[in-house]
Amino acid sequence: MAEVRKQPAEKFYIDVDFSANLDTGELLDSTQSTVKATLNGADSTSTVIESGSLIANSGKLFIRVQKGADGETHKLTFKAVTDQGNVLEQDVDLIIEEL
């Protein structure tokens, strides 16, 4: 599983690249694709993902991460839905650490 590290006050975009799994001409559908965050099994999406920040572009899903507390590890689940009805999923660990 991929990892991204950030400090609690940082805000920035991260992405997951699904392009290797797409057929020629196949596109990601940003209205159907989602990213969810969990911390110890509980939904933490509104805490660490900026609302309305999901972008689909060039076979990648982008979201803006924010907040979180030192020592937390949030599991981000990127679910990409394509215009051909395919569903692709990838997880990323978002590790919060104060340096």
C-alpha atoms as a PDB file:
ATOM      1  CA  MET A   1       0.000   0.000   0.000  1.00  0.00           C
ATOM      2  CA  ALA A   2       1.252   3.469  -0.854  1.00  0.00           C
ATOM      3  CA  GLU A   3       1.966   5.994   1.913  1.00  0.00           C
ATOM      4  CA  VAL A   4       1.748   9.777   2.081  1.00  0.00           C
ATOM      5  CA  ARG A   5       3.131  11.684   5.076  1.00  0.00           C
ATOM      6  CA  LYS A   6       1.970  15.135   6.176  1.00  0.00           C
ATOM      7  CA  GLN A   7       2.098  17.408   9.189  1.00  0.00           C
ATOM      8  CA  PRO A   8      -1.224  18.330  10.856  1.00  0.00           C
ATOM      9  CA  ALA A   9      -1.328  21.902   9.486  1.00  0.00           C
ATOM     10  CA  GLU A  10      -0.399  21.001   5.904  1.00  0.00           C
ATOM     11  CA  LYS A  11      -2.915  21.046   3.022  1.00  0.00           C
ATOM     12  CA  PHE A  12      -2.002  19.694  -0.409  1.00  0.00           C
ATOM     13  CA  TYR A  13      -3.234  17.547  -3.304  1.00  0.00           C
ATOM     14  CA  ILE A  14      -2.362  13.879  -3.668  1.00  0.00           C
ATOM     15  CA  ASP A  15      -3.283  11.591  -6.533  1.00  0.00           C
ATOM     16  CA  VAL A  16      -3.662   7.965  -7.510  1.00  0.00           C
ATOM     17  CA  ASP A  17      -2.860   7.038 -11.106  1.00  0.00           C
ATOM     18  CA  PHE A  18      -5.256   4.522 -12.674  1.00  0.00           C
ATOM     19  CA  SER A  19      -4.136   5.143 -16.281  1.00  0.00           C
ATOM     20  CA  ALA A  20      -2.334   1.784 -16.632  1.00  0.00           C
ATOM     21  CA  ASN A  21      -5.685   0.052 -16.007  1.00  0.00           C
ATOM     22  CA  LEU A  22      -7.686   2.065 -18.541  1.00  0.00           C
ATOM     23  CA  ASP A  23      -8.425   1.047 -22.119  1.00  0.00           C
ATOM     24  CA  THR A  24      -7.568   3.472 -24.916  1.00  0.00           C
ATOM     25  CA  GLY A  25     -10.076   6.324 -24.756  1.00  0.00           C
ATOM     26  CA  GLU A  26     -11.539   5.205 -21.413  1.00  0.00           C
ATOM     27  CA  LEU A  27     -12.048   8.075 -18.956  1.00  0.00           C
ATOM     28  CA  LEU A  28     -12.610   8.396 -15.218  1.00  0.00           C
ATOM     29  CA  ASP A  29     -16.041   9.741 -14.242  1.00  0.00           C
ATOM     30  CA  SER A  30     -15.536  12.314 -11.476  1.00  0.00           C
ATOM     31  CA  THR A  31     -19.264  12.380 -10.658  1.00  0.00           C
ATOM     32  CA  GLN A  32     -19.238   8.640  -9.816  1.00  0.00           C
ATOM     33  CA  SER A  33     -15.718   8.304  -8.360  1.00  0.00           C
ATOM     34  CA  THR A  34     -15.157   8.654  -4.603  1.00  0.00           C
ATOM     35  CA  VAL A  35     -12.459   8.858  -1.956  1.00  0.00           C
ATOM     36  CA  LYS A  36     -13.247   7.803   1.612  1.00  0.00           C
ATOM     37  CA  ALA A  37     -11.036   8.035   4.703  1.00  0.00           C
ATOM     38  CA  THR A  38     -11.141   5.833   7.789  1.00  0.00           C
ATOM     39  CA  LEU A  39      -9.295   5.975  11.104  1.00  0.00           C
ATOM     40  CA  ASN A  40      -9.467   2.801  13.207  1.00  0.00           C
ATOM     41  CA  GLY A  41     -12.519   1.733  11.183  1.00  0.00           C
ATOM     42  CA  ALA A  42     -14.449   4.994  11.714  1.00  0.00           C
ATOM     43  CA  ASP A  43     -15.238   7.420   8.880  1.00  0.00           C
ATOM     44  CA  SER A  44     -12.748  10.321   8.928  1.00  0.00           C
ATOM     45  CA  THR A  45     -13.436  11.668   5.432  1.00  0.00           C
ATOM     46  CA  SER A  46     -14.637  15.108   6.566  1.00  0.00           C
ATOM     47  CA  THR A  47     -11.586  15.490   8.807  1.00  0.00           C
ATOM     48  CA  VAL A  48      -8.733  14.775   6.394  1.00  0.00           C
ATOM     49  CA  ILE A  49     -10.226  15.303   2.899  1.00  0.00           C
ATOM     50  CA  GLU A  50     -11.269  18.798   1.847  1.00  0.00           C
ATOM     51  CA  SER A  51     -14.916  18.751   0.773  1.00  0.00           C
ATOM     52  CA  GLY A  52     -15.423  19.215  -2.972  1.00  0.00           C
ATOM     53  CA  SER A  53     -11.740  18.732  -3.820  1.00  0.00           C
ATOM     54  CA  LEU A  54     -12.053  15.524  -5.906  1.00  0.00           C
ATOM     55  CA  ILE A  55     -10.735  15.946  -9.458  1.00  0.00           C
ATOM     56  CA  ALA A  56     -10.453  13.316 -12.200  1.00  0.00           C
ATOM     57  CA  ASN A  57      -7.894  14.132 -14.912  1.00  0.00           C
ATOM     58  CA  SER A  58      -5.679  12.114 -17.283  1.00  0.00           C
ATOM     59  CA  GLY A  59      -6.457   8.782 -15.625  1.00  0.00           C
ATOM     60  CA  LYS A  60      -5.768  10.094 -12.114  1.00  0.00           C
ATOM     61  CA  LEU A  61      -7.969  10.930  -9.133  1.00  0.00           C
ATOM     62  CA  PHE A  62      -6.789  13.930  -7.088  1.00  0.00           C
ATOM     63  CA  ILE A  63      -7.949  14.991  -3.606  1.00  0.00           C
ATOM     64  CA  ARG A  64      -6.754  17.670  -1.210  1.00  0.00           C
ATOM     65  CA  VAL A  65      -5.735  16.369   2.211  1.00  0.00           C
ATOM     66  CA  GLN A  66      -5.941  18.521   5.340  1.00  0.00           C
ATOM     67  CA  LYS A  67      -5.801  18.461   9.149  1.00  0.00           C
ATOM     68  CA  GLY A  68      -5.364  15.269  11.180  1.00  0.00           C
ATOM     69  CA  ALA A  69      -3.585  14.794  14.504  1.00  0.00           C
ATOM     70  CA  ASP A  70      -0.011  13.731  15.174  1.00  0.00           C
ATOM     71  CA  GLY A  71       0.304   9.945  15.294  1.00  0.00           C
ATOM     72  CA  GLU A  72      -2.817   9.176  13.244  1.00  0.00           C
ATOM     73  CA  THR A  73      -2.822   6.947  10.149  1.00  0.00           C
ATOM     74  CA  HIS A  74      -5.894   7.338   7.948  1.00  0.00           C
ATOM     75  CA  LYS A  75      -6.679   4.788   5.240  1.00  0.00           C
ATOM     76  CA  LEU A  76      -7.747   6.580   2.048  1.00  0.00           C
ATOM     77  CA  THR A  77      -9.726   4.413  -0.379  1.00  0.00           C
ATOM     78  CA  PHE A  78      -9.796   5.790  -3.925  1.00  0.00           C
ATOM     79  CA  LYS A  79     -12.645   4.264  -5.967  1.00  0.00           C
ATOM     80  CA  ALA A  80     -12.490   5.213  -9.641  1.00  0.00           C
ATOM     81  CA  VAL A  81     -15.506   4.616 -11.877  1.00  0.00           C
ATOM     82  CA  THR A  82     -14.952   4.846 -15.620  1.00  0.00           C
ATOM     83  CA  ASP A  83     -17.221   5.915 -18.458  1.00  0.00           C
ATOM     84  CA  GLN A  84     -17.297   2.224 -19.491  1.00  0.00           C
ATOM     85  CA  GLY A  85     -18.656   1.133 -16.099  1.00  0.00           C
ATOM     86  CA  ASN A  86     -15.401  -0.334 -14.785  1.00  0.00           C
ATOM     87  CA  VAL A  87     -14.615   0.176 -11.088  1.00  0.00           C
ATOM     88  CA  LEU A  88     -10.991   0.404  -9.903  1.00  0.00           C
ATOM     89  CA  GLU A  89      -9.837   0.764  -6.300  1.00  0.00           C
ATOM     90  CA  GLN A  90      -6.588   1.648  -4.571  1.00  0.00           C
ATOM     91  CA  ASP A  91      -5.739   2.368  -0.920  1.00  0.00           C
ATOM     92  CA  VAL A  92      -3.239   4.906   0.436  1.00  0.00           C
ATOM     93  CA  ASP A  93      -2.126   5.335   4.057  1.00  0.00           C
ATOM     94  CA  LEU A  94      -2.135   9.010   5.082  1.00  0.00           C
ATOM     95  CA  ILE A  95       0.311   9.274   7.982  1.00  0.00           C
ATOM     96  CA  ILE A  96       0.068  12.397  10.151  1.00  0.00           C
ATOM     97  CA  GLU A  97       3.235  13.333  11.989  1.00  0.00           C
ATOM     98  CA  GLU A  98       4.428  16.561  13.576  1.00  0.00           C
ATOM     99  CA  LEU A  99       8.086  17.101  12.740  1.00  0.00           C
END
